[in-house]
């Protein structure tokens, strides 16, 4: 294993953990805030619900990726500054 691969592997677990926490928080927030309206919509307006659900998934992926990237970048900067 090359040093670069070791370095990348070392960052994989923390990044995965941060992403998992953010996904859980996002899902909890959506279910808490939109649970009842989404349930009602899924029963009455199936096509609109499908598009809304797809939009929420895309939004979640984009926002959580940006947040994870920002947090990891901040952590990398602080680590380099400490050297």
PDB file of N, CA and C in Angstrom:
ATOM      1  N   UNK A   1       0.848  -1.168   0.000  1.00  0.00           N
ATOM      2  CA  UNK A   1       0.000   0.000   0.000  1.00  0.00           C
ATOM      3  C   UNK A   1       0.900   1.238   0.000  1.00  0.00           C
ATOM      4  N   UNK A   2       0.621   2.156  -0.908  1.00  0.00           N
ATOM      5  CA  UNK A   2       1.427   3.359  -1.014  1.00  0.00           C
ATOM      6  C   UNK A   2       1.053   4.348   0.091  1.00  0.00           C
ATOM      7  N   UNK A   3       1.945   5.288   0.386  1.00  0.00           N
ATOM      8  CA  UNK A   3       1.626   6.298   1.410  1.00  0.00           C
ATOM      9  C   UNK A   3       0.360   7.099   1.067  1.00  0.00           C
ATOM     10  N   UNK A   4       0.174   7.385  -0.220  1.00  0.00           N
ATOM     11  CA  UNK A   4      -1.025   8.132  -0.609  1.00  0.00           C
ATOM     12  C   UNK A   4      -2.285   7.317  -0.319  1.00  0.00           C
ATOM     13  N   UNK A   5      -2.250   6.037  -0.604  1.00  0.00           N
ATOM     14  CA  UNK A   5      -3.397   5.180  -0.319  1.00  0.00           C
ATOM     15  C   UNK A   5      -3.660   5.094   1.180  1.00  0.00           C
ATOM     16  N   UNK A   6      -2.601   5.020   1.979  1.00  0.00           N
ATOM     17  CA  UNK A   6      -2.766   4.982   3.434  1.00  0.00           C
ATOM     18  C   UNK A   6      -3.423   6.263   3.935  1.00  0.00           C
ATOM     19  N   UNK A   7      -2.963   7.394   3.386  1.00  0.00           N
ATOM     20  CA  UNK A   7      -3.520   8.679   3.793  1.00  0.00           C
ATOM     21  C   UNK A   7      -5.005   8.768   3.434  1.00  0.00           C
ATOM     22  N   UNK A   8      -5.349   8.330   2.234  1.00  0.00           N
ATOM     23  CA  UNK A   8      -6.749   8.381   1.814  1.00  0.00           C
ATOM     24  C   UNK A   8      -7.605   7.431   2.644  1.00  0.00           C
ATOM     25  N   UNK A   9      -7.084   6.264   2.947  1.00  0.00           N
ATOM     26  CA  UNK A   9      -7.821   5.300   3.754  1.00  0.00           C
ATOM     27  C   UNK A   9      -8.028   5.818   5.175  1.00  0.00           C
ATOM     28  N   UNK A  10      -7.036   6.530   5.687  1.00  0.00           N
ATOM     29  CA  UNK A  10      -7.127   7.083   7.042  1.00  0.00           C
ATOM     30  C   UNK A  10      -8.256   8.106   7.146  1.00  0.00           C
ATOM     31  N   UNK A  11      -8.551   8.818   6.061  1.00  0.00           N
ATOM     32  CA  UNK A  11      -9.614   9.825   6.080  1.00  0.00           C
ATOM     33  C   UNK A  11     -10.979   9.244   5.742  1.00  0.00           C
ATOM     34  N   UNK A  12     -11.015   8.026   5.231  1.00  0.00           N
ATOM     35  CA  UNK A  12     -12.281   7.439   4.809  1.00  0.00           C
ATOM     36  C   UNK A  12     -13.239   7.239   5.983  1.00  0.00           C
ATOM     37  N   UNK A  13     -12.787   6.682   7.072  1.00  0.00           N
ATOM     38  CA  UNK A  13     -13.660   6.407   8.215  1.00  0.00           C
ATOM     39  C   UNK A  13     -14.226   7.681   8.842  1.00  0.00           C
ATOM     40  N   UNK A  14     -13.406   8.682   9.159  1.00  0.00           N
ATOM     41  CA  UNK A  14     -13.997   9.907   9.736  1.00  0.00           C
ATOM     42  C   UNK A  14     -14.994  10.582   8.787  1.00  0.00           C
ATOM     43  N   UNK A  15     -14.674  10.598   7.505  1.00  0.00           N
ATOM     44  CA  UNK A  15     -15.583  11.225   6.550  1.00  0.00           C
ATOM     45  C   UNK A  15     -16.894  10.440   6.477  1.00  0.00           C
ATOM     46  N   UNK A  16     -16.811   9.143   6.510  1.00  0.00           N
ATOM     47  CA  UNK A  16     -18.004   8.311   6.484  1.00  0.00           C
ATOM     48  C   UNK A  16     -18.847   8.529   7.737  1.00  0.00           C
ATOM     49  N   UNK A  17     -18.201   8.640   8.883  1.00  0.00           N
ATOM     50  CA  UNK A  17     -18.929   8.879  10.127  1.00  0.00           C
ATOM     51  C   UNK A  17     -19.626  10.243  10.117  1.00  0.00           C
ATOM     52  N   UNK A  18     -18.927  11.262   9.657  1.00  0.00           N
ATOM     53  CA  UNK A  18     -19.525  12.607   9.575  1.00  0.00           C
ATOM     54  C   UNK A  18     -20.723  12.565   8.639  1.00  0.00           C
ATOM     55  N   UNK A  19     -20.570  11.921   7.503  1.00  0.00           N
ATOM     56  CA  UNK A  19     -21.666  11.837   6.538  1.00  0.00           C
ATOM     57  C   UNK A  19     -22.853  11.083   7.130  1.00  0.00           C
ATOM     58  N   UNK A  20     -22.589  10.008   7.854  1.00  0.00           N
ATOM     59  CA  UNK A  20     -23.671   9.224   8.459  1.00  0.00           C
ATOM     60  C   UNK A  20     -24.456  10.051   9.475  1.00  0.00           C
ATOM     61  N   UNK A  21     -23.763  10.830  10.277  1.00  0.00           N
ATOM     62  CA  UNK A  21     -24.436  11.689  11.260  1.00  0.00           C
ATOM     63  C   UNK A  21     -25.281  12.741  10.544  1.00  0.00           C
ATOM     64  N   UNK A  22     -24.738  13.333   9.490  1.00  0.00           N
ATOM     65  CA  UNK A  22     -25.495  14.339   8.749  1.00  0.00           C
ATOM     66  C   UNK A  22     -26.721  13.738   8.060  1.00  0.00           C
ATOM     67  N   UNK A  23     -26.586  12.540   7.514  1.00  0.00           N
ATOM     68  CA  UNK A  23     -27.734  11.874   6.875  1.00  0.00           C
ATOM     69  C   UNK A  23     -28.819  11.600   7.910  1.00  0.00           C
ATOM     70  N   UNK A  24     -28.419  11.092   9.063  1.00  0.00           N
ATOM     71  CA  UNK A  24     -29.395  10.799  10.117  1.00  0.00           C
ATOM     72  C   UNK A  24     -30.117  12.078  10.557  1.00  0.00           C
ATOM     73  N   UNK A  25     -29.375  13.157  10.737  1.00  0.00           N
ATOM     74  CA  UNK A  25     -29.984  14.429  11.148  1.00  0.00           C
ATOM     75  C   UNK A  25     -30.932  14.954  10.071  1.00  0.00           C
ATOM     76  N   UNK A  26     -30.522  14.858   8.808  1.00  0.00           N
ATOM     77  CA  UNK A  26     -31.362  15.330   7.714  1.00  0.00           C
ATOM     78  C   UNK A  26     -32.653  14.511   7.645  1.00  0.00           C
ATOM     79  N   UNK A  27     -32.530  13.201   7.726  1.00  0.00           N
ATOM     80  CA  UNK A  27     -33.710  12.327   7.663  1.00  0.00           C
ATOM     81  C   UNK A  27     -34.651  12.613   8.832  1.00  0.00           C
ATOM     82  N   UNK A  28     -34.105  12.756  10.015  1.00  0.00           N
ATOM     83  CA  UNK A  28     -34.926  13.068  11.175  1.00  0.00           C
ATOM     84  C   UNK A  28     -35.660  14.395  10.967  1.00  0.00           C
ATOM     85  N   UNK A  29     -34.951  15.395  10.472  1.00  0.00           N
ATOM     86  CA  UNK A  29     -35.565  16.698  10.230  1.00  0.00           C
ATOM     87  C   UNK A  29     -36.668  16.631   9.201  1.00  0.00           C
ATOM     88  N   UNK A  30     -36.439  15.918   8.104  1.00  0.00           N
ATOM     89  CA  UNK A  30     -37.466  15.796   7.067  1.00  0.00           C
ATOM     90  C   UNK A  30     -38.676  15.051   7.608  1.00  0.00           C
ATOM     91  N   UNK A  31     -38.439  13.947   8.310  1.00  0.00           N
ATOM     92  CA  UNK A  31     -39.567  13.185   8.847  1.00  0.00           C
ATOM     93  C   UNK A  31     -40.344  13.996   9.879  1.00  0.00           C
ATOM     94  N   UNK A  32     -39.625  14.753  10.693  1.00  0.00           N
ATOM     95  CA  UNK A  32     -40.273  15.544  11.739  1.00  0.00           C
ATOM     96  C   UNK A  32     -41.084  16.698  11.126  1.00  0.00           C
ATOM     97  N   UNK A  33     -40.481  17.403  10.172  1.00  0.00           N
ATOM     98  CA  UNK A  33     -41.131  18.581   9.597  1.00  0.00           C
ATOM     99  C   UNK A  33     -42.126  18.232   8.489  1.00  0.00           C
ATOM    100  N   UNK A  34     -41.815  17.228   7.678  1.00  0.00           N
ATOM    101  CA  UNK A  34     -42.624  16.940   6.499  1.00  0.00           C
ATOM    102  C   UNK A  34     -43.325  15.591   6.539  1.00  0.00           C
ATOM    103  N   UNK A  35     -43.251  14.891   7.656  1.00  0.00           N
ATOM    104  CA  UNK A  35     -43.813  13.543   7.736  1.00  0.00           C
ATOM    105  C   UNK A  35     -45.291  13.482   7.388  1.00  0.00           C
ATOM    106  N   UNK A  36     -46.091  14.284   8.045  1.00  0.00           N
ATOM    107  CA  UNK A  36     -47.539  14.254   7.798  1.00  0.00           C
ATOM    108  C   UNK A  36     -47.888  14.730   6.388  1.00  0.00           C
ATOM    109  N   UNK A  37     -47.349  15.879   5.928  1.00  0.00           N
ATOM    110  CA  UNK A  37     -47.675  16.303   4.554  1.00  0.00           C
ATOM    111  C   UNK A  37     -47.227  15.278   3.493  1.00  0.00           C
ATOM    112  N   UNK A  38     -46.072  14.647   3.700  1.00  0.00           N
ATOM    113  CA  UNK A  38     -45.618  13.648   2.727  1.00  0.00           C
ATOM    114  C   UNK A  38     -46.516  12.413   2.730  1.00  0.00           C
ATOM    115  N   UNK A  39     -46.942  12.014   3.898  1.00  0.00           N
ATOM    116  CA  UNK A  39     -47.846  10.859   3.984  1.00  0.00           C
ATOM    117  C   UNK A  39     -49.159  11.161   3.283  1.00  0.00           C
ATOM    118  N   UNK A  40     -49.721  12.320   3.533  1.00  0.00           N
ATOM    119  CA  UNK A  40     -50.964  12.719   2.886  1.00  0.00           C
ATOM    120  C   UNK A  40     -50.785  12.798   1.370  1.00  0.00           C
ATOM    121  N   UNK A  41     -49.687  13.397   0.950  1.00  0.00           N
ATOM    122  CA  UNK A  41     -49.426  13.545  -0.485  1.00  0.00           C
ATOM    123  C   UNK A  41     -49.236  12.188  -1.160  1.00  0.00           C
ATOM    124  N   UNK A  42     -48.589  11.251  -0.463  1.00  0.00           N
ATOM    125  CA  UNK A  42     -48.344   9.930  -1.062  1.00  0.00           C
ATOM    126  C   UNK A  42     -49.648   9.179  -1.310  1.00  0.00           C
ATOM    127  N   UNK A  43     -50.678   9.491  -0.541  1.00  0.00           N
ATOM    128  CA  UNK A  43     -51.969   8.819  -0.706  1.00  0.00           C
ATOM    129  C   UNK A  43     -52.865   9.511  -1.737  1.00  0.00           C
ATOM    130  N   UNK A  44     -52.735  10.835  -1.845  1.00  0.00           N
ATOM    131  CA  UNK A  44     -53.659  11.586  -2.688  1.00  0.00           C
ATOM    132  C   UNK A  44     -53.068  11.987  -4.042  1.00  0.00           C
ATOM    133  N   UNK A  45     -51.769  12.246  -4.097  1.00  0.00           N
ATOM    134  CA  UNK A  45     -51.126  12.754  -5.316  1.00  0.00           C
ATOM    135  C   UNK A  45     -49.839  11.966  -5.570  1.00  0.00           C
ATOM    136  N   UNK A  46     -49.971  10.765  -6.089  1.00  0.00           N
ATOM    137  CA  UNK A  46     -48.821   9.864  -6.219  1.00  0.00           C
ATOM    138  C   UNK A  46     -47.730  10.390  -7.158  1.00  0.00           C
ATOM    139  N   UNK A  47     -48.097  10.962  -8.280  1.00  0.00           N
ATOM    140  CA  UNK A  47     -47.099  11.448  -9.242  1.00  0.00           C
ATOM    141  C   UNK A  47     -46.325  12.626  -8.650  1.00  0.00           C
ATOM    142  N   UNK A  48     -47.034  13.581  -8.065  1.00  0.00           N
ATOM    143  CA  UNK A  48     -46.364  14.729  -7.450  1.00  0.00           C
ATOM    144  C   UNK A  48     -45.473  14.280  -6.298  1.00  0.00           C
ATOM    145  N   UNK A  49     -45.978  13.311  -5.535  1.00  0.00           N
ATOM    146  CA  UNK A  49     -45.185  12.771  -4.427  1.00  0.00           C
ATOM    147  C   UNK A  49     -43.897  12.133  -4.933  1.00  0.00           C
ATOM    148  N   UNK A  50     -43.982  11.403  -6.026  1.00  0.00           N
ATOM    149  CA  UNK A  50     -42.791  10.757  -6.585  1.00  0.00           C
ATOM    150  C   UNK A  50     -41.747  11.794  -6.971  1.00  0.00           C
ATOM    151  N   UNK A  51     -42.178  12.869  -7.640  1.00  0.00           N
ATOM    152  CA  UNK A  51     -41.232  13.922  -8.030  1.00  0.00           C
ATOM    153  C   UNK A  51     -40.672  14.649  -6.805  1.00  0.00           C
ATOM    154  N   UNK A  52     -41.507  14.910  -5.825  1.00  0.00           N
ATOM    155  CA  UNK A  52     -41.045  15.570  -4.606  1.00  0.00           C
ATOM    156  C   UNK A  52     -40.035  14.688  -3.863  1.00  0.00           C
ATOM    157  N   UNK A  53     -40.328  13.395  -3.767  1.00  0.00           N
ATOM    158  CA  UNK A  53     -39.411  12.474  -3.094  1.00  0.00           C
ATOM    159  C   UNK A  53     -38.071  12.418  -3.826  1.00  0.00           C
ATOM    160  N   UNK A  54     -38.109  12.365  -5.148  1.00  0.00           N
ATOM    161  CA  UNK A  54     -36.873  12.368  -5.932  1.00  0.00           C
ATOM    162  C   UNK A  54     -36.098  13.668  -5.713  1.00  0.00           C
ATOM    163  N   UNK A  55     -36.817  14.786  -5.705  1.00  0.00           N
ATOM    164  CA  UNK A  55     -36.172  16.080  -5.447  1.00  0.00           C
ATOM    165  C   UNK A  55     -35.536  16.139  -4.070  1.00  0.00           C
ATOM    166  N   UNK A  56     -36.215  15.601  -3.069  1.00  0.00           N
ATOM    167  CA  UNK A  56     -35.647  15.574  -1.714  1.00  0.00           C
ATOM    168  C   UNK A  56     -34.385  14.719  -1.655  1.00  0.00           C
ATOM    169  N   UNK A  57     -34.374  13.608  -2.379  1.00  0.00           N
ATOM    170  CA  UNK A  57     -33.184  12.753  -2.399  1.00  0.00           C
ATOM    171  C   UNK A  57     -31.998  13.462  -3.056  1.00  0.00           C
ATOM    172  N   UNK A  58     -32.264  14.127  -4.171  1.00  0.00           N
ATOM    173  CA  UNK A  58     -31.199  14.860  -4.859  1.00  0.00           C
ATOM    174  C   UNK A  58     -30.703  16.001  -3.980  1.00  0.00           C
ATOM    175  N   UNK A  59     -31.623  16.739  -3.375  1.00  0.00           N
ATOM    176  CA  UNK A  59     -31.267  17.838  -2.476  1.00  0.00           C
ATOM    177  C   UNK A  59     -30.425  17.327  -1.309  1.00  0.00           C
ATOM    178  N   UNK A  60     -30.848  16.210  -0.722  1.00  0.00           N
ATOM    179  CA  UNK A  60     -30.111  15.628   0.396  1.00  0.00           C
ATOM    180  C   UNK A  60     -28.692  15.276  -0.024  1.00  0.00           C
ATOM    181  N   UNK A  61     -28.554  14.617  -1.150  1.00  0.00           N
ATOM    182  CA  UNK A  61     -27.224  14.231  -1.621  1.00  0.00           C
ATOM    183  C   UNK A  61     -26.324  15.434  -1.835  1.00  0.00           C
ATOM    184  N   UNK A  62     -26.862  16.465  -2.483  1.00  0.00           N
ATOM    185  CA  UNK A  62     -26.063  17.657  -2.771  1.00  0.00           C
ATOM    186  C   UNK A  62     -25.663  18.395  -1.484  1.00  0.00           C
ATOM    187  N   UNK A  63     -26.649  18.672  -0.648  1.00  0.00           N
ATOM    188  CA  UNK A  63     -26.381  19.450   0.572  1.00  0.00           C
ATOM    189  C   UNK A  63     -25.437  18.698   1.512  1.00  0.00           C
ATOM    190  N   UNK A  64     -25.684  17.422   1.703  1.00  0.00           N
ATOM    191  CA  UNK A  64     -24.841  16.667   2.633  1.00  0.00           C
ATOM    192  C   UNK A  64     -23.430  16.489   2.096  1.00  0.00           C
ATOM    193  N   UNK A  65     -23.284  16.350   0.789  1.00  0.00           N
ATOM    194  CA  UNK A  65     -21.945  16.264   0.206  1.00  0.00           C
ATOM    195  C   UNK A  65     -21.192  17.579   0.412  1.00  0.00           C
ATOM    196  N   UNK A  66     -21.862  18.713   0.203  1.00  0.00           N
ATOM    197  CA  UNK A  66     -21.228  20.022   0.395  1.00  0.00           C
ATOM    198  C   UNK A  66     -20.839  20.227   1.868  1.00  0.00           C
ATOM    199  N   UNK A  67     -21.738  19.851   2.780  1.00  0.00           N
ATOM    200  CA  UNK A  67     -21.433  19.990   4.209  1.00  0.00           C
ATOM    201  C   UNK A  67     -20.265  19.103   4.622  1.00  0.00           C
ATOM    202  N   UNK A  68     -20.276  17.869   4.176  1.00  0.00           N
ATOM    203  CA  UNK A  68     -19.193  16.950   4.503  1.00  0.00           C
ATOM    204  C   UNK A  68     -17.879  17.474   3.951  1.00  0.00           C
ATOM    205  N   UNK A  69     -17.886  17.930   2.713  1.00  0.00           N
ATOM    206  CA  UNK A  69     -16.668  18.466   2.097  1.00  0.00           C
ATOM    207  C   UNK A  69     -16.157  19.677   2.883  1.00  0.00           C
ATOM    208  N   UNK A  70     -17.046  20.562   3.280  1.00  0.00           N
ATOM    209  CA  UNK A  70     -16.639  21.748   4.038  1.00  0.00           C
ATOM    210  C   UNK A  70     -16.052  21.364   5.390  1.00  0.00           C
ATOM    211  N   UNK A  71     -16.691  20.437   6.098  1.00  0.00           N
ATOM    212  CA  UNK A  71     -16.189  20.021   7.410  1.00  0.00           C
ATOM    213  C   UNK A  71     -14.831  19.335   7.306  1.00  0.00           C
ATOM    214  N   UNK A  72     -14.681  18.472   6.324  1.00  0.00           N
ATOM    215  CA  UNK A  72     -13.404  17.783   6.144  1.00  0.00           C
ATOM    216  C   UNK A  72     -12.326  18.783   5.744  1.00  0.00           C
ATOM    217  N   UNK A  73     -12.654  19.752   4.894  1.00  0.00           N
ATOM    218  CA  UNK A  73     -11.678  20.774   4.499  1.00  0.00           C
ATOM    219  C   UNK A  73     -11.217  21.588   5.699  1.00  0.00           C
ATOM    220  N   UNK A  74     -12.148  21.949   6.552  1.00  0.00           N
ATOM    221  CA  UNK A  74     -11.794  22.705   7.764  1.00  0.00           C
ATOM    222  C   UNK A  74     -10.879  21.872   8.649  1.00  0.00           C
ATOM    223  N   UNK A  75     -11.210  20.599   8.800  1.00  0.00           N
ATOM    224  CA  UNK A  75     -10.394  19.714   9.631  1.00  0.00           C
ATOM    225  C   UNK A  75      -8.989  19.551   9.059  1.00  0.00           C
ATOM    226  N   UNK A  76      -8.882  19.415   7.730  1.00  0.00           N
ATOM    227  CA  UNK A  76      -7.566  19.298   7.094  1.00  0.00           C
ATOM    228  C   UNK A  76      -6.746  20.567   7.288  1.00  0.00           C
ATOM    229  N   UNK A  77      -7.398  21.728   7.153  1.00  0.00           N
ATOM    230  CA  UNK A  77      -6.681  22.996   7.350  1.00  0.00           C
ATOM    231  C   UNK A  77      -6.141  23.127   8.757  1.00  0.00           C
ATOM    232  N   UNK A  78      -6.963  22.774   9.741  1.00  0.00           N
ATOM    233  CA  UNK A  78      -6.538  22.862  11.148  1.00  0.00           C
ATOM    234  C   UNK A  78      -5.386  21.892  11.422  1.00  0.00           C
ATOM    235  N   UNK A  79      -5.436  20.730  10.821  1.00  0.00           N
ATOM    236  CA  UNK A  79      -4.372  19.750  11.018  1.00  0.00           C
ATOM    237  C   UNK A  79      -3.065  20.254  10.416  1.00  0.00           C
ATOM    238  N   UNK A  80      -3.123  20.846   9.220  1.00  0.00           N
ATOM    239  CA  UNK A  80      -1.920  21.379   8.576  1.00  0.00           C
ATOM    240  C   UNK A  80      -1.362  22.554   9.363  1.00  0.00           C
ATOM    241  N   UNK A  81      -2.237  23.386   9.932  1.00  0.00           N
ATOM    242  CA  UNK A  81      -1.786  24.541  10.696  1.00  0.00           C
ATOM    243  C   UNK A  81      -1.105  24.110  11.999  1.00  0.00           C
ATOM    244  N   UNK A  82      -1.509  22.970  12.541  1.00  0.00           N
ATOM    245  CA  UNK A  82      -0.944  22.481  13.795  1.00  0.00           C
ATOM    246  C   UNK A  82       0.461  21.908  13.622  1.00  0.00           C
ATOM    247  N   UNK A  83       0.813  21.583  12.391  1.00  0.00           N
ATOM    248  CA  UNK A  83       2.146  20.995  12.142  1.00  0.00           C
ATOM    249  C   UNK A  83       3.231  21.960  12.332  1.00  0.00           C
TER     250      UNK A  83
END
